[in-house]
Amino acid sequence: MAFDGANIWVTNSSDNTVSKLRASDGSNLGTFAVGVTPTYIAYDGANIWVANSNANTVSKLRASDGTTLGTFGVGALPFGVAFDGANIWVVNYNANTVSKLRASDGTTLGTFAVGVLPQGVVFDGANIWVTSAHDSAITELRASDGTSLGTFAVGTNPVDVAFDGANIWVSNYVANTVSKLRASDGTTLGTFAVGSNPTTLSFDGANIWVANQGDNTVSKLRASDGTSLGTFATGARPLGTAFDGANIWVANQADNTVSKL
């Protein structure tokens, strides 16, 4: 899921489409074709970028009307997508790499090695962080040139990653925890229990929200210290999350719905 300032975008992996919902009331404003098996999604300030996992491409759609502006090749089985202010970063799960594309025209600016089975990606204002499920680790790359700045241990089978303005948060799918790392040096500041099989993460300005795929809930953790502030029911098999400035949206993979909290 992604928020464009007014609307929520949701990938429909089995339909090869994305849906655009008005955040104020959930009205469906359109459904737009993309590539095969769309998964992760990001907003660049004007356009929506979608990783088409089984097409080895990303689609660029104009957020205002859903028009496809381009489809660009990346590596094998793309998943995570992030915007760094000028470029789009795409995680290639089966290639153990990330691709850097210029957002203005989709030109590939580089392909960089990361860990084994990478999935989630986030930008911290200077660097790119990429989870590696096989390695139970996260890799930090300098966004300007892709240089590796370090690899840091997290929990078992990390999936997604979020940035809270100072720290990096990682969901550990098999460990049922999230890790908090200081972005400046990768030091682990804490590991916190959440629900079963945590997947995606979102930061709301004060708290971290975690989708727990295994028990149909989201956990809310205070970002300052990881204290649990509650666990809330969602639909079946929650997978995507997004924050719209006031509410948390959760994509429920098994029942083709989204929840708004």
C-alpha atoms as a PDB file:
ATOM      1  CA  MET A   1       0.000   0.000   0.000  1.00  0.00           C
ATOM      2  CA  ALA A   2       1.050   3.623  -0.523  1.00  0.00           C
ATOM      3  CA  PHE A   3      -0.442   7.050   0.276  1.00  0.00           C
ATOM      4  CA  ASP A   4      -0.192   9.860  -2.282  1.00  0.00           C
ATOM      5  CA  GLY A   5      -1.353  12.710  -0.052  1.00  0.00           C
ATOM      6  CA  ALA A   6      -5.031  12.169  -0.762  1.00  0.00           C
ATOM      7  CA  ASN A   7      -5.495   8.554  -1.810  1.00  0.00           C
ATOM      8  CA  ILE A   8      -4.479   5.044  -0.826  1.00  0.00           C
ATOM      9  CA  TRP A   9      -3.055   2.755  -3.516  1.00  0.00           C
ATOM     10  CA  VAL A  10      -3.332  -1.015  -3.108  1.00  0.00           C
ATOM     11  CA  THR A  11      -1.695  -3.711  -5.212  1.00  0.00           C
ATOM     12  CA  ASN A  12      -3.926  -6.612  -6.279  1.00  0.00           C
ATOM     13  CA  SER A  13      -1.405  -9.350  -6.935  1.00  0.00           C
ATOM     14  CA  SER A  14      -3.778 -11.933  -8.435  1.00  0.00           C
ATOM     15  CA  ASP A  15      -5.500  -9.421 -10.741  1.00  0.00           C
ATOM     16  CA  ASN A  16      -2.359  -7.638 -12.003  1.00  0.00           C
ATOM     17  CA  THR A  17      -3.888  -4.302 -11.053  1.00  0.00           C
ATOM     18  CA  VAL A  18      -3.704  -1.520  -8.491  1.00  0.00           C
ATOM     19  CA  SER A  19      -6.711   0.122  -6.844  1.00  0.00           C
ATOM     20  CA  LYS A  20      -6.916   3.808  -5.911  1.00  0.00           C
ATOM     21  CA  LEU A  21      -9.083   4.579  -2.875  1.00  0.00           C
ATOM     22  CA  ARG A  22      -9.975   8.051  -1.619  1.00  0.00           C
ATOM     23  CA  ALA A  23      -8.521   8.197   1.885  1.00  0.00           C
ATOM     24  CA  SER A  24     -11.293  10.332   3.303  1.00  0.00           C
ATOM     25  CA  ASP A  25     -14.042   7.774   2.721  1.00  0.00           C
ATOM     26  CA  GLY A  26     -12.554   4.698   0.995  1.00  0.00           C
ATOM     27  CA  SER A  27     -14.348   5.293  -2.314  1.00  0.00           C
ATOM     28  CA  ASN A  28     -12.767   3.381  -5.193  1.00  0.00           C
ATOM     29  CA  LEU A  29     -11.501   5.957  -7.692  1.00  0.00           C
ATOM     30  CA  GLY A  30     -10.164   3.484 -10.191  1.00  0.00           C
ATOM     31  CA  THR A  31      -8.432   0.202 -10.882  1.00  0.00           C
ATOM     32  CA  PHE A  32      -5.434   0.258 -13.206  1.00  0.00           C
ATOM     33  CA  ALA A  33      -3.556  -2.497 -15.004  1.00  0.00           C
ATOM     34  CA  VAL A  34       0.104  -3.068 -14.174  1.00  0.00           C
ATOM     35  CA  GLY A  35       2.451  -6.024 -14.682  1.00  0.00           C
ATOM     36  CA  VAL A  36       2.268  -9.623 -13.515  1.00  0.00           C
ATOM     37  CA  THR A  37       1.892 -10.153  -9.751  1.00  0.00           C
ATOM     38  CA  PRO A  38       2.242  -6.613  -8.373  1.00  0.00           C
ATOM     39  CA  THR A  39       3.528  -6.569  -4.805  1.00  0.00           C
ATOM     40  CA  TYR A  40       5.235  -3.568  -3.200  1.00  0.00           C
ATOM     41  CA  ILE A  41       4.442   0.008  -4.183  1.00  0.00           C
ATOM     42  CA  ALA A  42       5.844   3.513  -3.589  1.00  0.00           C
ATOM     43  CA  TYR A  43       4.917   7.148  -4.282  1.00  0.00           C
ATOM     44  CA  ASP A  44       7.498   9.626  -5.614  1.00  0.00           C
ATOM     45  CA  GLY A  45       5.550  12.841  -5.091  1.00  0.00           C
ATOM     46  CA  ALA A  46       3.797  12.668  -8.439  1.00  0.00           C
ATOM     47  CA  ASN A  47       3.750   9.062  -9.584  1.00  0.00           C
ATOM     48  CA  ILE A  48       3.119   5.571  -8.265  1.00  0.00           C
ATOM     49  CA  TRP A  49       5.749   2.857  -8.766  1.00  0.00           C
ATOM     50  CA  VAL A  50       4.757  -0.799  -8.617  1.00  0.00           C
ATOM     51  CA  ALA A  51       7.000  -3.862  -8.462  1.00  0.00           C
ATOM     52  CA  ASN A  52       5.696  -6.551 -10.816  1.00  0.00           C
ATOM     53  CA  SER A  53       7.251  -9.582  -9.182  1.00  0.00           C
ATOM     54  CA  ASN A  54       6.654 -12.182 -11.884  1.00  0.00           C
ATOM     55  CA  ALA A  55       7.439  -9.831 -14.767  1.00  0.00           C
ATOM     56  CA  ASN A  56      10.799  -8.549 -13.473  1.00  0.00           C
ATOM     57  CA  THR A  57       9.626  -4.997 -14.086  1.00  0.00           C
ATOM     58  CA  VAL A  58       8.316  -1.914 -12.343  1.00  0.00           C
ATOM     59  CA  SER A  59       5.388   0.140 -13.602  1.00  0.00           C
ATOM     60  CA  LYS A  60       5.199   3.934 -13.287  1.00  0.00           C
ATOM     61  CA  LEU A  61       1.667   5.374 -13.089  1.00  0.00           C
ATOM     62  CA  ARG A  62       0.658   9.008 -12.897  1.00  0.00           C
ATOM     63  CA  ALA A  63      -1.031   9.352  -9.515  1.00  0.00           C
ATOM     64  CA  SER A  64      -3.572  11.912 -10.685  1.00  0.00           C
ATOM     65  CA  ASP A  65      -5.282   9.588 -13.176  1.00  0.00           C
ATOM     66  CA  GLY A  66      -3.521   6.201 -13.182  1.00  0.00           C
ATOM     67  CA  THR A  67      -2.075   6.560 -16.676  1.00  0.00           C
ATOM     68  CA  THR A  68       0.884   4.256 -17.261  1.00  0.00           C
ATOM     69  CA  LEU A  69       3.958   6.376 -17.938  1.00  0.00           C
ATOM     70  CA  GLY A  70       6.375   3.505 -18.407  1.00  0.00           C
ATOM     71  CA  THR A  71       7.393  -0.038 -17.591  1.00  0.00           C
ATOM     72  CA  PHE A  72      11.045  -0.653 -16.758  1.00  0.00           C
ATOM     73  CA  GLY A  73      13.093  -3.796 -16.419  1.00  0.00           C
ATOM     74  CA  VAL A  74      14.794  -4.595 -13.115  1.00  0.00           C
ATOM     75  CA  GLY A  75      16.198  -7.797 -11.587  1.00  0.00           C
ATOM     76  CA  ALA A  76      14.641 -11.167 -10.860  1.00  0.00           C
ATOM     77  CA  LEU A  77      11.484 -11.186  -8.714  1.00  0.00           C
ATOM     78  CA  PRO A  78      11.281  -7.537  -7.616  1.00  0.00           C
ATOM     79  CA  PHE A  79       9.643  -6.853  -4.250  1.00  0.00           C
ATOM     80  CA  GLY A  80      10.408  -3.783  -2.139  1.00  0.00           C
ATOM     81  CA  VAL A  81      10.281  -0.288  -3.642  1.00  0.00           C
ATOM     82  CA  ALA A  82      11.486   2.994  -2.103  1.00  0.00           C
ATOM     83  CA  PHE A  83      11.936   6.611  -3.239  1.00  0.00           C
ATOM     84  CA  ASP A  84      14.997   8.612  -2.167  1.00  0.00           C
ATOM     85  CA  GLY A  85      13.864  12.027  -3.380  1.00  0.00           C
ATOM     86  CA  ALA A  86      15.235  11.566  -6.883  1.00  0.00           C
ATOM     87  CA  ASN A  87      15.492   7.848  -7.573  1.00  0.00           C
ATOM     88  CA  ILE A  88      13.501   4.662  -7.170  1.00  0.00           C
ATOM     89  CA  TRP A  89      15.141   1.670  -5.499  1.00  0.00           C
ATOM     90  CA  VAL A  90      13.815  -1.806  -6.274  1.00  0.00           C
ATOM     91  CA  VAL A  91      14.763  -4.949  -4.368  1.00  0.00           C
ATOM     92  CA  ASN A  92      15.337  -8.002  -6.570  1.00  0.00           C
ATOM     93  CA  TYR A  93      14.553 -11.009  -4.362  1.00  0.00           C
ATOM     94  CA  ASN A  94      15.930 -13.761  -6.611  1.00  0.00           C
ATOM     95  CA  ALA A  95      18.967 -11.783  -7.759  1.00  0.00           C
ATOM     96  CA  ASN A  96      20.208 -10.643  -4.322  1.00  0.00           C
ATOM     97  CA  THR A  97      20.490  -7.099  -5.643  1.00  0.00           C
ATOM     98  CA  VAL A  98      18.792  -3.720  -5.654  1.00  0.00           C
ATOM     99  CA  SER A  99      18.248  -1.625  -8.768  1.00  0.00           C
ATOM    100  CA  LYS A 100      18.466   2.182  -8.722  1.00  0.00           C
ATOM    101  CA  LEU A 101      16.303   3.923 -11.329  1.00  0.00           C
ATOM    102  CA  ARG A 102      16.071   7.634 -12.042  1.00  0.00           C
ATOM    103  CA  ALA A 103      12.493   8.548 -11.171  1.00  0.00           C
ATOM    104  CA  SER A 104      12.158  11.127 -13.925  1.00  0.00           C
ATOM    105  CA  ASP A 105      12.610   8.651 -16.786  1.00  0.00           C
ATOM    106  CA  GLY A 106      13.222   5.148 -15.379  1.00  0.00           C
ATOM    107  CA  THR A 107      16.832   4.936 -16.505  1.00  0.00           C
ATOM    108  CA  THR A 108      18.795   2.344 -14.539  1.00  0.00           C
ATOM    109  CA  LEU A 109      21.601   4.087 -12.677  1.00  0.00           C
ATOM    110  CA  GLY A 110      23.068   1.019 -11.039  1.00  0.00           C
ATOM    111  CA  THR A 111      22.540  -2.472  -9.667  1.00  0.00           C
ATOM    112  CA  PHE A 112      24.069  -3.257  -6.280  1.00  0.00           C
ATOM    113  CA  ALA A 113      24.634  -6.479  -4.376  1.00  0.00           C
ATOM    114  CA  VAL A 114      22.948  -6.953  -1.015  1.00  0.00           C
ATOM    115  CA  GLY A 115      22.215 -10.016   1.115  1.00  0.00           C
ATOM    116  CA  VAL A 116      20.485 -13.254   0.165  1.00  0.00           C
ATOM    117  CA  LEU A 117      16.730 -13.074  -0.505  1.00  0.00           C
ATOM    118  CA  PRO A 118      16.290  -9.314  -0.013  1.00  0.00           C
ATOM    119  CA  GLN A 119      12.758  -8.019   0.358  1.00  0.00           C
ATOM    120  CA  GLY A 120      12.095  -4.744   2.220  1.00  0.00           C
ATOM    121  CA  VAL A 121      13.726  -1.382   1.534  1.00  0.00           C
ATOM    122  CA  VAL A 122      13.594   2.099   3.067  1.00  0.00           C
ATOM    123  CA  PHE A 123      15.404   5.440   2.669  1.00  0.00           C
ATOM    124  CA  ASP A 124      16.609   7.246   5.802  1.00  0.00           C
ATOM    125  CA  GLY A 125      17.447  10.593   4.210  1.00  0.00           C
ATOM    126  CA  ALA A 126      20.953   9.592   3.204  1.00  0.00           C
ATOM    127  CA  ASN A 127      21.141   5.818   2.924  1.00  0.00           C
ATOM    128  CA  ILE A 128      19.131   2.835   1.714  1.00  0.00           C
ATOM    129  CA  TRP A 129      18.406  -0.107   4.036  1.00  0.00           C
ATOM    130  CA  VAL A 130      17.535  -3.545   2.632  1.00  0.00           C
ATOM    131  CA  THR A 131      16.401  -6.621   4.584  1.00  0.00           C
ATOM    132  CA  SER A 132      17.844 -10.042   3.704  1.00  0.00           C
ATOM    133  CA  ALA A 133      15.550 -12.880   4.742  1.00  0.00           C
ATOM    134  CA  HIS A 134      18.067 -15.694   4.352  1.00  0.00           C
ATOM    135  CA  ASP A 135      20.789 -13.876   6.295  1.00  0.00           C
ATOM    136  CA  SER A 136      18.599 -12.554   9.133  1.00  0.00           C
ATOM    137  CA  ALA A 137      20.303  -9.235   8.493  1.00  0.00           C
ATOM    138  CA  ILE A 138      19.882  -5.795   6.987  1.00  0.00           C
ATOM    139  CA  THR A 139      22.303  -4.045   4.636  1.00  0.00           C
ATOM    140  CA  GLU A 140      22.921  -0.292   4.510  1.00  0.00           C
ATOM    141  CA  LEU A 141      23.876   1.286   1.174  1.00  0.00           C
ATOM    142  CA  ARG A 142      24.921   4.876   0.529  1.00  0.00           C
ATOM    143  CA  ALA A 143      22.156   6.238  -1.684  1.00  0.00           C
ATOM    144  CA  SER A 144      24.460   8.470  -3.721  1.00  0.00           C
ATOM    145  CA  ASP A 145      26.522   5.612  -5.172  1.00  0.00           C
ATOM    146  CA  GLY A 146      25.312   2.271  -3.752  1.00  0.00           C
ATOM    147  CA  THR A 147      28.406   1.636  -1.659  1.00  0.00           C
ATOM    148  CA  SER A 148      27.764  -0.862   1.136  1.00  0.00           C
ATOM    149  CA  LEU A 149      28.149   0.790   4.544  1.00  0.00           C
ATOM    150  CA  GLY A 150      27.543  -2.313   6.628  1.00  0.00           C
ATOM    151  CA  THR A 151      25.413  -5.362   7.328  1.00  0.00           C
ATOM    152  CA  PHE A 152      23.695  -5.709  10.707  1.00  0.00           C
ATOM    153  CA  ALA A 153      22.073  -8.700  12.383  1.00  0.00           C
ATOM    154  CA  VAL A 154      18.341  -8.628  13.114  1.00  0.00           C
ATOM    155  CA  GLY A 155      15.804 -11.371  13.857  1.00  0.00           C
ATOM    156  CA  THR A 156      14.951 -14.496  11.903  1.00  0.00           C
ATOM    157  CA  ASN A 157      13.641 -13.960   8.377  1.00  0.00           C
ATOM    158  CA  PRO A 158      13.324 -10.166   8.258  1.00  0.00           C
ATOM    159  CA  VAL A 159      10.702  -8.951   5.798  1.00  0.00           C
ATOM    160  CA  ASP A 160       9.960  -5.230   5.895  1.00  0.00           C
ATOM    161  CA  VAL A 161      11.681  -2.103   7.182  1.00  0.00           C
ATOM    162  CA  ALA A 162      10.589   1.394   8.252  1.00  0.00           C
ATOM    163  CA  PHE A 163      12.361   4.616   9.314  1.00  0.00           C
ATOM    164  CA  ASP A 164      11.109   6.767  12.198  1.00  0.00           C
ATOM    165  CA  GLY A 165      13.327   9.789  11.611  1.00  0.00           C
ATOM    166  CA  ALA A 166      16.206   8.451  13.701  1.00  0.00           C
ATOM    167  CA  ASN A 167      15.940   4.667  13.808  1.00  0.00           C
ATOM    168  CA  ILE A 168      15.368   1.698  11.537  1.00  0.00           C
ATOM    169  CA  TRP A 169      12.639  -0.838  12.378  1.00  0.00           C
ATOM    170  CA  VAL A 170      12.636  -4.359  10.953  1.00  0.00           C
ATOM    171  CA  SER A 171       9.876  -6.985  11.075  1.00  0.00           C
ATOM    172  CA  ASN A 172      11.234 -10.483  11.794  1.00  0.00           C
ATOM    173  CA  TYR A 173       8.668 -12.855  10.286  1.00  0.00           C
ATOM    174  CA  VAL A 174       9.739 -16.136  11.894  1.00  0.00           C
ATOM    175  CA  ALA A 175      10.822 -14.634  15.235  1.00  0.00           C
ATOM    176  CA  ASN A 176       7.526 -12.733  15.778  1.00  0.00           C
ATOM    177  CA  THR A 177       9.495  -9.637  16.742  1.00  0.00           C
ATOM    178  CA  VAL A 178      10.615  -6.279  15.435  1.00  0.00           C
ATOM    179  CA  SER A 179      14.161  -4.964  15.760  1.00  0.00           C
ATOM    180  CA  LYS A 180      15.030  -1.302  16.333  1.00  0.00           C
ATOM    181  CA  LEU A 181      18.438  -0.133  15.054  1.00  0.00           C
ATOM    182  CA  ARG A 182      20.028   3.286  15.346  1.00  0.00           C
ATOM    183  CA  ALA A 183      20.274   4.570  11.781  1.00  0.00           C
ATOM    184  CA  SER A 184      23.535   6.419  12.376  1.00  0.00           C
ATOM    185  CA  ASP A 185      25.559   3.279  13.123  1.00  0.00           C
ATOM    186  CA  GLY A 186      23.323   0.186  13.008  1.00  0.00           C
ATOM    187  CA  THR A 187      23.450  -0.474  16.742  1.00  0.00           C
ATOM    188  CA  THR A 188      20.528  -2.595  17.946  1.00  0.00           C
ATOM    189  CA  LEU A 189      18.480  -0.554  20.418  1.00  0.00           C
ATOM    190  CA  GLY A 190      15.873  -3.192  21.156  1.00  0.00           C
ATOM    191  CA  THR A 191      13.913  -6.231  20.035  1.00  0.00           C
ATOM    192  CA  PHE A 192      10.175  -6.212  20.730  1.00  0.00           C
ATOM    193  CA  ALA A 193       7.552  -8.949  20.612  1.00  0.00           C
ATOM    194  CA  VAL A 194       4.588  -8.472  18.283  1.00  0.00           C
ATOM    195  CA  GLY A 195       2.032 -10.859  16.804  1.00  0.00           C
ATOM    196  CA  SER A 196       2.456 -13.955  14.676  1.00  0.00           C
ATOM    197  CA  ASN A 197       4.405 -13.599  11.421  1.00  0.00           C
ATOM    198  CA  PRO A 198       4.875  -9.814  11.256  1.00  0.00           C
ATOM    199  CA  THR A 199       5.154  -8.435   7.740  1.00  0.00           C
ATOM    200  CA  THR A 200       4.884  -4.764   6.784  1.00  0.00           C
ATOM    201  CA  LEU A 201       5.588  -1.739   8.974  1.00  0.00           C
ATOM    202  CA  SER A 202       4.392   1.875   8.971  1.00  0.00           C
ATOM    203  CA  PHE A 203       5.410   4.893  11.062  1.00  0.00           C
ATOM    204  CA  ASP A 204       2.692   7.376  12.049  1.00  0.00           C
ATOM    205  CA  GLY A 205       4.937  10.117  13.400  1.00  0.00           C
ATOM    206  CA  ALA A 206       5.041   8.678  16.903  1.00  0.00           C
ATOM    207  CA  ASN A 207       4.360   4.953  16.684  1.00  0.00           C
ATOM    208  CA  ILE A 208       5.263   1.906  14.629  1.00  0.00           C
ATOM    209  CA  TRP A 209       2.423  -0.227  13.276  1.00  0.00           C
ATOM    210  CA  VAL A 210       3.099  -3.863  12.404  1.00  0.00           C
ATOM    211  CA  ALA A 211       0.852  -6.165  10.359  1.00  0.00           C
ATOM    212  CA  ASN A 212       0.762  -9.632  11.939  1.00  0.00           C
ATOM    213  CA  GLN A 213      -0.127 -11.958   9.103  1.00  0.00           C
ATOM    214  CA  GLY A 214      -0.443 -15.051  11.270  1.00  0.00           C
ATOM    215  CA  ASP A 215      -3.094 -13.784  13.678  1.00  0.00           C
ATOM    216  CA  ASN A 216      -5.027 -11.162  11.679  1.00  0.00           C
ATOM    217  CA  THR A 217      -3.973  -8.184  13.779  1.00  0.00           C
ATOM    218  CA  VAL A 218      -1.786  -5.102  13.798  1.00  0.00           C
ATOM    219  CA  SER A 219       0.465  -4.168  16.706  1.00  0.00           C
ATOM    220  CA  LYS A 220       1.098  -0.554  17.738  1.00  0.00           C
ATOM    221  CA  LEU A 221       4.475   0.155  19.356  1.00  0.00           C
ATOM    222  CA  ARG A 222       5.641   3.470  20.792  1.00  0.00           C
ATOM    223  CA  ALA A 223       8.648   4.375  18.663  1.00  0.00           C
ATOM    224  CA  SER A 224      10.569   6.020  21.489  1.00  0.00           C
ATOM    225  CA  ASP A 225      10.909   2.833  23.540  1.00  0.00           C
ATOM    226  CA  GLY A 226       9.041  -0.022  21.829  1.00  0.00           C
ATOM    227  CA  THR A 227       6.279  -0.226  24.422  1.00  0.00           C
ATOM    228  CA  SER A 228       3.207  -2.031  23.115  1.00  0.00           C
ATOM    229  CA  LEU A 229       0.240   0.345  22.926  1.00  0.00           C
ATOM    230  CA  GLY A 230      -2.244  -2.190  21.670  1.00  0.00           C
ATOM    231  CA  THR A 231      -3.100  -4.998  19.289  1.00  0.00           C
ATOM    232  CA  PHE A 232      -6.040  -4.509  16.927  1.00  0.00           C
ATOM    233  CA  ALA A 233      -8.041  -6.875  14.752  1.00  0.00           C
ATOM    234  CA  THR A 234      -7.933  -6.554  10.968  1.00  0.00           C
ATOM    235  CA  GLY A 235      -9.155  -8.693   8.116  1.00  0.00           C
ATOM    236  CA  ALA A 236      -7.728 -12.036   7.108  1.00  0.00           C
ATOM    237  CA  ARG A 237      -3.982 -12.313   6.518  1.00  0.00           C
ATOM    238  CA  PRO A 238      -2.963  -8.637   6.749  1.00  0.00           C
ATOM    239  CA  LEU A 239      -0.023  -7.872   4.528  1.00  0.00           C
ATOM    240  CA  GLY A 240       0.248  -4.206   3.501  1.00  0.00           C
ATOM    241  CA  THR A 241       0.103  -1.093   5.691  1.00  0.00           C
ATOM    242  CA  ALA A 242       0.098   2.649   5.065  1.00  0.00           C
ATOM    243  CA  PHE A 243      -0.426   5.834   7.109  1.00  0.00           C
ATOM    244  CA  ASP A 244      -2.478   8.679   5.634  1.00  0.00           C
ATOM    245  CA  GLY A 245      -1.653  11.359   8.186  1.00  0.00           C
ATOM    246  CA  ALA A 246      -4.489  10.384  10.491  1.00  0.00           C
ATOM    247  CA  ASN A 247      -5.315   6.717   9.969  1.00  0.00           C
ATOM    248  CA  ILE A 248      -3.625   3.383   9.415  1.00  0.00           C
ATOM    249  CA  TRP A 249      -4.682   1.334   6.404  1.00  0.00           C
ATOM    250  CA  VAL A 250      -4.186  -2.415   6.264  1.00  0.00           C
ATOM    251  CA  ALA A 251      -4.484  -4.631   3.185  1.00  0.00           C
ATOM    252  CA  ASN A 252      -6.081  -7.986   4.021  1.00  0.00           C
ATOM    253  CA  GLN A 253      -4.720 -10.444   1.499  1.00  0.00           C
ATOM    254  CA  ALA A 254      -7.066 -13.364   2.179  1.00  0.00           C
ATOM    255  CA  ASP A 255     -10.381 -11.506   1.975  1.00  0.00           C
ATOM    256  CA  ASN A 256      -9.709  -8.858  -0.693  1.00  0.00           C
ATOM    257  CA  THR A 257     -10.380  -5.934   1.631  1.00  0.00           C
ATOM    258  CA  VAL A 258      -8.591  -3.074   3.320  1.00  0.00           C
ATOM    259  CA  SER A 259      -9.155  -1.985   6.924  1.00  0.00           C
ATOM    260  CA  LYS A 260      -8.971   1.637   8.074  1.00  0.00           C
ATOM    261  CA  LEU A 261      -8.030   2.211  11.722  1.00  0.00           C
END
